[in-house]
Amino acid sequence: MGKYPNSEIHNRYSDWHYGLVKSNPKYKRLYVADIDRIWLEYDFRLQAIVGVFDIKWQGGIDKGYTSTEKGIYDWFALHKVKVFIVYINKEFTSFEVHNYSNPEDVKSFASIQYADFLLSLRTAQDRYS
């Protein structure tokens, strides 16, 4: 019971993410939960959050960060959780990923490349476990 109804981008992101699992068995490790419009990629094997994602439309009005967003991003970063802001085009074919802790680290991905990036977060964590 939030102040705002479900948003198109969040509904579509959820559907896109769920569709990955059906499209290829390698994506069965992907699990995401949304907490009040922030997405948490979780790895059950590691029992860890491997990334926090705030998704926004490419070319939308959401440029920069609100003080609330910055506070949330800083809290996760303080707890050593990677924070990413992802700008997605309307067709869900282009994903521009900004690393909050390193503003120069910006990557552009096609849909499946982005899914592989999500998997790579688990691989990177596996190396340090």
N, C-alpha and C. Protein backbone atom coordinates (compact mmCIF):
# COMPACT_ATOMS: atom_id res chain seq x y z
N MET A 1 0.84 -1.18 0.00
CA MET A 1 0.00 0.00 0.00
C MET A 1 0.87 1.23 0.00
N GLY A 2 1.49 1.48 -1.14
CA GLY A 2 2.34 2.65 -1.23
C GLY A 2 1.57 3.87 -1.71
N LYS A 3 2.28 4.95 -1.73
CA LYS A 3 1.71 6.21 -2.18
C LYS A 3 1.47 6.20 -3.69
N TYR A 4 2.30 5.46 -4.41
CA TYR A 4 2.23 5.44 -5.86
C TYR A 4 1.82 4.06 -6.37
N PRO A 5 1.11 4.01 -7.48
CA PRO A 5 0.79 2.70 -8.08
C PRO A 5 2.05 2.08 -8.68
N ASN A 6 1.96 0.81 -9.05
CA ASN A 6 3.09 0.18 -9.72
C ASN A 6 3.47 1.00 -10.94
N SER A 7 4.76 1.09 -11.20
CA SER A 7 5.20 1.86 -12.35
C SER A 7 5.49 0.92 -13.51
N GLU A 8 5.37 1.45 -14.71
CA GLU A 8 5.60 0.64 -15.91
C GLU A 8 7.00 0.05 -15.92
N ILE A 9 8.01 0.85 -15.59
CA ILE A 9 9.39 0.37 -15.66
C ILE A 9 9.62 -0.78 -14.66
N HIS A 10 9.05 -0.69 -13.48
CA HIS A 10 9.26 -1.73 -12.48
C HIS A 10 8.51 -3.01 -12.85
N ASN A 11 7.31 -2.88 -13.38
CA ASN A 11 6.57 -4.06 -13.84
C ASN A 11 7.31 -4.73 -14.99
N ARG A 12 7.78 -3.94 -15.94
CA ARG A 12 8.47 -4.52 -17.10
C ARG A 12 9.81 -5.13 -16.70
N TYR A 13 10.53 -4.49 -15.77
CA TYR A 13 11.81 -5.04 -15.31
C TYR A 13 11.58 -6.40 -14.64
N SER A 14 10.57 -6.49 -13.83
CA SER A 14 10.24 -7.74 -13.16
C SER A 14 9.93 -8.83 -14.19
N ASP A 15 9.11 -8.50 -15.18
CA ASP A 15 8.76 -9.47 -16.22
C ASP A 15 10.00 -9.87 -17.03
N TRP A 16 10.85 -8.88 -17.36
CA TRP A 16 12.07 -9.17 -18.12
C TRP A 16 12.97 -10.12 -17.33
N HIS A 17 13.16 -9.82 -16.05
CA HIS A 17 14.05 -10.62 -15.20
C HIS A 17 13.51 -12.04 -15.07
N TYR A 18 12.21 -12.17 -14.85
CA TYR A 18 11.59 -13.50 -14.73
C TYR A 18 11.71 -14.27 -16.05
N GLY A 19 11.59 -13.58 -17.16
CA GLY A 19 11.70 -14.21 -18.47
C GLY A 19 13.08 -14.79 -18.72
N LEU A 20 14.12 -14.20 -18.14
CA LEU A 20 15.48 -14.73 -18.31
C LEU A 20 15.58 -16.17 -17.80
N VAL A 21 14.98 -16.42 -16.67
CA VAL A 21 15.04 -17.75 -16.06
C VAL A 21 14.43 -18.78 -16.99
N LYS A 22 13.36 -18.41 -17.67
CA LYS A 22 12.70 -19.32 -18.60
C LYS A 22 13.48 -19.46 -19.91
N SER A 23 14.26 -18.43 -20.27
CA SER A 23 14.91 -18.43 -21.58
C SER A 23 16.17 -19.28 -21.64
N ASN A 24 16.85 -19.45 -20.52
CA ASN A 24 18.11 -20.18 -20.54
C ASN A 24 18.41 -20.69 -19.12
N PRO A 25 18.74 -21.98 -18.99
CA PRO A 25 19.01 -22.54 -17.65
C PRO A 25 20.14 -21.84 -16.90
N LYS A 26 21.08 -21.21 -17.61
CA LYS A 26 22.19 -20.56 -16.90
C LYS A 26 21.72 -19.41 -16.04
N TYR A 27 20.52 -18.87 -16.32
CA TYR A 27 20.01 -17.75 -15.54
C TYR A 27 19.19 -18.19 -14.33
N LYS A 28 19.11 -19.48 -14.07
CA LYS A 28 18.34 -19.94 -12.92
C LYS A 28 18.95 -19.48 -11.60
N ARG A 29 20.22 -19.07 -11.61
CA ARG A 29 20.86 -18.54 -10.39
C ARG A 29 20.42 -17.12 -10.08
N LEU A 30 19.82 -16.45 -11.05
CA LEU A 30 19.41 -15.07 -10.84
C LEU A 30 18.18 -15.03 -9.94
N TYR A 31 18.25 -14.20 -8.95
CA TYR A 31 17.09 -13.96 -8.08
C TYR A 31 17.10 -12.49 -7.72
N VAL A 32 15.95 -11.88 -7.81
CA VAL A 32 15.85 -10.46 -7.50
C VAL A 32 14.63 -10.23 -6.62
N ALA A 33 14.77 -9.29 -5.71
CA ALA A 33 13.64 -8.86 -4.89
C ALA A 33 13.58 -7.34 -4.99
N ASP A 34 12.36 -6.82 -5.01
CA ASP A 34 12.25 -5.36 -5.04
C ASP A 34 11.75 -4.87 -3.70
N ILE A 35 12.43 -3.87 -3.19
CA ILE A 35 12.09 -3.27 -1.91
C ILE A 35 11.80 -1.80 -2.20
N ASP A 36 10.55 -1.45 -2.22
CA ASP A 36 10.14 -0.07 -2.45
C ASP A 36 10.91 0.59 -3.60
N ARG A 37 10.90 -0.07 -4.74
CA ARG A 37 11.47 0.43 -5.99
C ARG A 37 12.99 0.37 -6.06
N ILE A 38 13.62 -0.34 -5.16
CA ILE A 38 15.04 -0.65 -5.24
C ILE A 38 15.12 -2.17 -5.41
N TRP A 39 15.94 -2.61 -6.35
CA TRP A 39 16.04 -4.03 -6.68
C TRP A 39 17.31 -4.61 -6.06
N LEU A 40 17.17 -5.75 -5.40
CA LEU A 40 18.30 -6.42 -4.76
C LEU A 40 18.56 -7.74 -5.48
N GLU A 41 19.74 -7.89 -6.05
CA GLU A 41 20.14 -9.17 -6.63
C GLU A 41 20.72 -10.00 -5.48
N TYR A 42 20.15 -11.15 -5.28
CA TYR A 42 20.53 -11.99 -4.14
C TYR A 42 21.03 -13.34 -4.63
N ASP A 43 22.08 -13.84 -4.02
CA ASP A 43 22.61 -15.16 -4.34
C ASP A 43 22.37 -16.07 -3.15
N PHE A 44 21.49 -17.05 -3.33
CA PHE A 44 21.16 -17.96 -2.24
C PHE A 44 22.34 -18.83 -1.83
N ARG A 45 23.16 -19.21 -2.80
CA ARG A 45 24.31 -20.06 -2.46
C ARG A 45 25.28 -19.31 -1.56
N LEU A 46 25.51 -18.04 -1.87
CA LEU A 46 26.40 -17.22 -1.06
C LEU A 46 25.70 -16.62 0.15
N GLN A 47 24.37 -16.64 0.11
CA GLN A 47 23.55 -15.99 1.14
C GLN A 47 23.98 -14.53 1.30
N ALA A 48 24.00 -13.84 0.14
CA ALA A 48 24.46 -12.46 0.15
C ALA A 48 23.76 -11.65 -0.94
N ILE A 49 23.61 -10.38 -0.66
CA ILE A 49 23.17 -9.44 -1.69
C ILE A 49 24.41 -9.13 -2.52
N VAL A 50 24.33 -9.35 -3.83
CA VAL A 50 25.49 -9.13 -4.69
C VAL A 50 25.39 -7.81 -5.45
N GLY A 51 24.27 -7.13 -5.34
CA GLY A 51 24.13 -5.83 -5.97
C GLY A 51 22.77 -5.22 -5.68
N VAL A 52 22.76 -3.90 -5.60
CA VAL A 52 21.53 -3.13 -5.43
C VAL A 52 21.37 -2.29 -6.68
N PHE A 53 20.15 -2.27 -7.23
CA PHE A 53 19.90 -1.60 -8.50
C PHE A 53 18.73 -0.64 -8.37
N ASP A 54 18.97 0.58 -8.81
CA ASP A 54 17.89 1.55 -8.95
C ASP A 54 17.71 1.73 -10.44
N ILE A 55 16.53 1.41 -10.96
CA ILE A 55 16.31 1.45 -12.40
C ILE A 55 15.52 2.70 -12.78
N LYS A 56 15.92 3.27 -13.90
CA LYS A 56 15.29 4.51 -14.39
C LYS A 56 15.21 4.42 -15.92
N TRP A 57 14.32 5.20 -16.49
CA TRP A 57 14.21 5.26 -17.95
C TRP A 57 15.36 6.07 -18.52
N GLN A 58 15.94 5.59 -19.64
CA GLN A 58 16.91 6.40 -20.38
C GLN A 58 16.19 7.63 -20.92
N GLY A 59 16.80 8.78 -20.79
CA GLY A 59 16.21 10.00 -21.29
C GLY A 59 15.05 10.52 -20.46
N GLY A 60 14.81 9.88 -19.30
CA GLY A 60 13.73 10.31 -18.43
C GLY A 60 14.12 11.52 -17.60
N ILE A 61 13.22 11.89 -16.73
CA ILE A 61 13.46 13.07 -15.90
C ILE A 61 14.32 12.74 -14.68
N ASP A 62 14.56 11.46 -14.42
CA ASP A 62 15.32 11.03 -13.23
C ASP A 62 16.82 11.17 -13.44
N LYS A 63 17.32 12.35 -13.57
CA LYS A 63 18.76 12.57 -13.67
C LYS A 63 19.26 13.01 -12.29
N GLY A 64 20.42 12.51 -11.93
CA GLY A 64 20.94 12.83 -10.61
C GLY A 64 20.24 12.00 -9.55
N TYR A 65 20.50 12.33 -8.30
CA TYR A 65 19.96 11.56 -7.18
C TYR A 65 19.25 12.49 -6.21
N THR A 66 18.14 12.01 -5.67
CA THR A 66 17.49 12.77 -4.61
C THR A 66 18.28 12.54 -3.33
N SER A 67 18.03 13.34 -2.32
CA SER A 67 18.74 13.15 -1.04
C SER A 67 18.37 11.80 -0.43
N THR A 68 17.15 11.34 -0.62
CA THR A 68 16.75 10.03 -0.11
C THR A 68 17.50 8.92 -0.83
N GLU A 69 17.56 9.00 -2.17
CA GLU A 69 18.29 7.99 -2.94
C GLU A 69 19.75 7.96 -2.50
N LYS A 70 20.37 9.12 -2.40
CA LYS A 70 21.78 9.19 -1.98
C LYS A 70 21.97 8.55 -0.61
N GLY A 71 21.07 8.83 0.32
CA GLY A 71 21.17 8.22 1.65
C GLY A 71 21.08 6.70 1.60
N ILE A 72 20.18 6.19 0.78
CA ILE A 72 20.03 4.72 0.64
C ILE A 72 21.25 4.14 -0.04
N TYR A 73 21.70 4.75 -1.13
CA TYR A 73 22.89 4.26 -1.83
C TYR A 73 24.09 4.25 -0.89
N ASP A 74 24.27 5.34 -0.15
CA ASP A 74 25.41 5.44 0.78
C ASP A 74 25.35 4.36 1.85
N TRP A 75 24.14 4.06 2.35
CA TRP A 75 24.00 3.04 3.38
C TRP A 75 24.45 1.68 2.85
N PHE A 76 24.00 1.31 1.67
CA PHE A 76 24.42 0.03 1.09
C PHE A 76 25.92 0.03 0.83
N ALA A 77 26.44 1.10 0.26
CA ALA A 77 27.88 1.18 -0.02
C ALA A 77 28.69 1.06 1.27
N LEU A 78 28.23 1.68 2.34
CA LEU A 78 28.89 1.59 3.64
C LEU A 78 28.96 0.13 4.12
N HIS A 79 27.95 -0.65 3.76
CA HIS A 79 27.89 -2.06 4.14
C HIS A 79 28.47 -2.97 3.07
N LYS A 80 29.30 -2.38 2.19
CA LYS A 80 30.06 -3.12 1.17
C LYS A 80 29.17 -3.84 0.16
N VAL A 81 28.01 -3.27 -0.14
CA VAL A 81 27.13 -3.79 -1.18
C VAL A 81 27.24 -2.87 -2.39
N LYS A 82 27.49 -3.45 -3.55
CA LYS A 82 27.61 -2.66 -4.77
C LYS A 82 26.27 -2.05 -5.14
N VAL A 83 26.30 -0.78 -5.51
CA VAL A 83 25.09 -0.05 -5.89
C VAL A 83 25.23 0.40 -7.34
N PHE A 84 24.20 0.13 -8.13
CA PHE A 84 24.19 0.49 -9.54
C PHE A 84 22.91 1.25 -9.87
N ILE A 85 23.04 2.27 -10.69
CA ILE A 85 21.88 2.96 -11.24
C ILE A 85 21.84 2.55 -12.70
N VAL A 86 20.69 2.01 -13.12
CA VAL A 86 20.56 1.44 -14.46
C VAL A 86 19.52 2.22 -15.24
N TYR A 87 19.95 2.77 -16.38
CA TYR A 87 19.05 3.49 -17.27
C TYR A 87 18.68 2.55 -18.42
N ILE A 88 17.38 2.30 -18.59
CA ILE A 88 16.88 1.31 -19.55
C ILE A 88 16.05 2.03 -20.61
N ASN A 89 16.22 1.62 -21.88
CA ASN A 89 15.38 2.22 -22.92
C ASN A 89 14.00 1.55 -22.91
N LYS A 90 13.06 2.16 -23.58
CA LYS A 90 11.66 1.71 -23.56
C LYS A 90 11.49 0.30 -24.14
N GLU A 91 12.39 -0.10 -25.02
CA GLU A 91 12.30 -1.43 -25.64
C GLU A 91 12.97 -2.52 -24.80
N PHE A 92 13.61 -2.13 -23.71
CA PHE A 92 14.38 -3.05 -22.87
C PHE A 92 15.46 -3.78 -23.66
N THR A 93 16.11 -3.04 -24.56
CA THR A 93 17.20 -3.60 -25.34
C THR A 93 18.53 -2.94 -25.01
N SER A 94 18.50 -1.85 -24.25
CA SER A 94 19.71 -1.11 -23.90
C SER A 94 19.70 -0.81 -22.41
N PHE A 95 20.79 -1.19 -21.73
CA PHE A 95 20.93 -1.00 -20.29
C PHE A 95 22.24 -0.26 -20.04
N GLU A 96 22.16 0.94 -19.51
CA GLU A 96 23.34 1.73 -19.19
C GLU A 96 23.53 1.68 -17.68
N VAL A 97 24.62 1.05 -17.24
CA VAL A 97 24.84 0.77 -15.83
C VAL A 97 25.90 1.71 -15.27
N HIS A 98 25.51 2.47 -14.24
CA HIS A 98 26.40 3.40 -13.55
C HIS A 98 26.74 2.81 -12.18
N ASN A 99 28.03 2.68 -11.90
CA ASN A 99 28.50 2.20 -10.61
C ASN A 99 28.50 3.40 -9.65
N TYR A 100 27.63 3.37 -8.65
CA TYR A 100 27.48 4.51 -7.75
C TYR A 100 28.79 4.87 -7.04
N SER A 101 29.56 3.87 -6.63
CA SER A 101 30.79 4.13 -5.89
C SER A 101 31.94 4.60 -6.77
N ASN A 102 31.81 4.42 -8.07
CA ASN A 102 32.84 4.83 -9.02
C ASN A 102 32.15 5.47 -10.23
N PRO A 103 31.83 6.76 -10.16
CA PRO A 103 31.04 7.43 -11.21
C PRO A 103 31.62 7.32 -12.62
N GLU A 104 32.93 7.11 -12.76
CA GLU A 104 33.52 6.94 -14.09
C GLU A 104 33.23 5.57 -14.68
N ASP A 105 32.80 4.63 -13.86
CA ASP A 105 32.53 3.26 -14.31
C ASP A 105 31.10 3.18 -14.82
N VAL A 106 30.96 3.38 -16.13
CA VAL A 106 29.66 3.31 -16.80
C VAL A 106 29.79 2.28 -17.91
N LYS A 107 28.86 1.33 -17.94
CA LYS A 107 28.89 0.28 -18.96
C LYS A 107 27.54 0.25 -19.68
N SER A 108 27.59 -0.02 -20.98
CA SER A 108 26.38 -0.15 -21.77
C SER A 108 26.25 -1.60 -22.22
N PHE A 109 25.06 -2.13 -22.06
CA PHE A 109 24.81 -3.53 -22.39
C PHE A 109 23.53 -3.67 -23.21
N ALA A 110 23.52 -4.69 -24.07
CA ALA A 110 22.28 -5.17 -24.66
C ALA A 110 21.62 -6.05 -23.59
N SER A 111 20.41 -6.48 -23.84
CA SER A 111 19.62 -7.22 -22.85
C SER A 111 20.34 -8.45 -22.29
N ILE A 112 20.80 -9.34 -23.15
CA ILE A 112 21.45 -10.57 -22.67
C ILE A 112 22.80 -10.26 -22.05
N GLN A 113 23.51 -9.26 -22.56
CA GLN A 113 24.78 -8.86 -21.95
C GLN A 113 24.55 -8.38 -20.52
N TYR A 114 23.46 -7.66 -20.31
CA TYR A 114 23.12 -7.19 -18.96
C TYR A 114 22.82 -8.37 -18.05
N ALA A 115 22.08 -9.35 -18.56
CA ALA A 115 21.80 -10.56 -17.78
C ALA A 115 23.10 -11.25 -17.40
N ASP A 116 24.05 -11.32 -18.34
CA ASP A 116 25.34 -11.93 -18.04
C ASP A 116 26.12 -11.10 -17.01
N PHE A 117 25.98 -9.79 -17.06
CA PHE A 117 26.58 -8.92 -16.04
C PHE A 117 26.01 -9.27 -14.66
N LEU A 118 24.70 -9.48 -14.58
CA LEU A 118 24.09 -9.86 -13.30
C LEU A 118 24.68 -11.18 -12.79
N LEU A 119 24.87 -12.14 -13.70
CA LEU A 119 25.51 -13.39 -13.31
C LEU A 119 26.95 -13.15 -12.85
N SER A 120 27.66 -12.26 -13.52
CA SER A 120 29.06 -12.03 -13.19
C SER A 120 29.23 -11.49 -11.77
N LEU A 121 28.22 -10.82 -11.24
CA LEU A 121 28.32 -10.33 -9.86
C LEU A 121 28.42 -11.50 -8.90
N ARG A 122 27.76 -12.59 -9.20
CA ARG A 122 27.85 -13.78 -8.37
C ARG A 122 29.22 -14.44 -8.53
N THR A 123 29.73 -14.49 -9.75
CA THR A 123 31.04 -15.07 -10.00
C THR A 123 32.11 -14.30 -9.27
N ALA A 124 32.01 -12.96 -9.30
CA ALA A 124 33.00 -12.14 -8.60
C ALA A 124 32.96 -12.41 -7.11
N GLN A 125 31.76 -12.55 -6.55
CA GLN A 125 31.63 -12.86 -5.13
C GLN A 125 32.20 -14.24 -4.82
N ASP A 126 31.95 -15.22 -5.73
CA ASP A 126 32.46 -16.57 -5.51
C ASP A 126 33.98 -16.58 -5.34
N ARG A 127 34.68 -15.73 -6.10
CA ARG A 127 36.13 -15.70 -6.04
C ARG A 127 36.64 -15.23 -4.68
N TYR A 128 35.83 -14.47 -3.96
CA TYR A 128 36.29 -13.92 -2.68
C TYR A 128 35.72 -14.67 -1.50
N SER A 129 34.95 -15.70 -1.75
CA SER A 129 34.35 -16.46 -0.65
C SER A 129 35.29 -17.48 -0.07
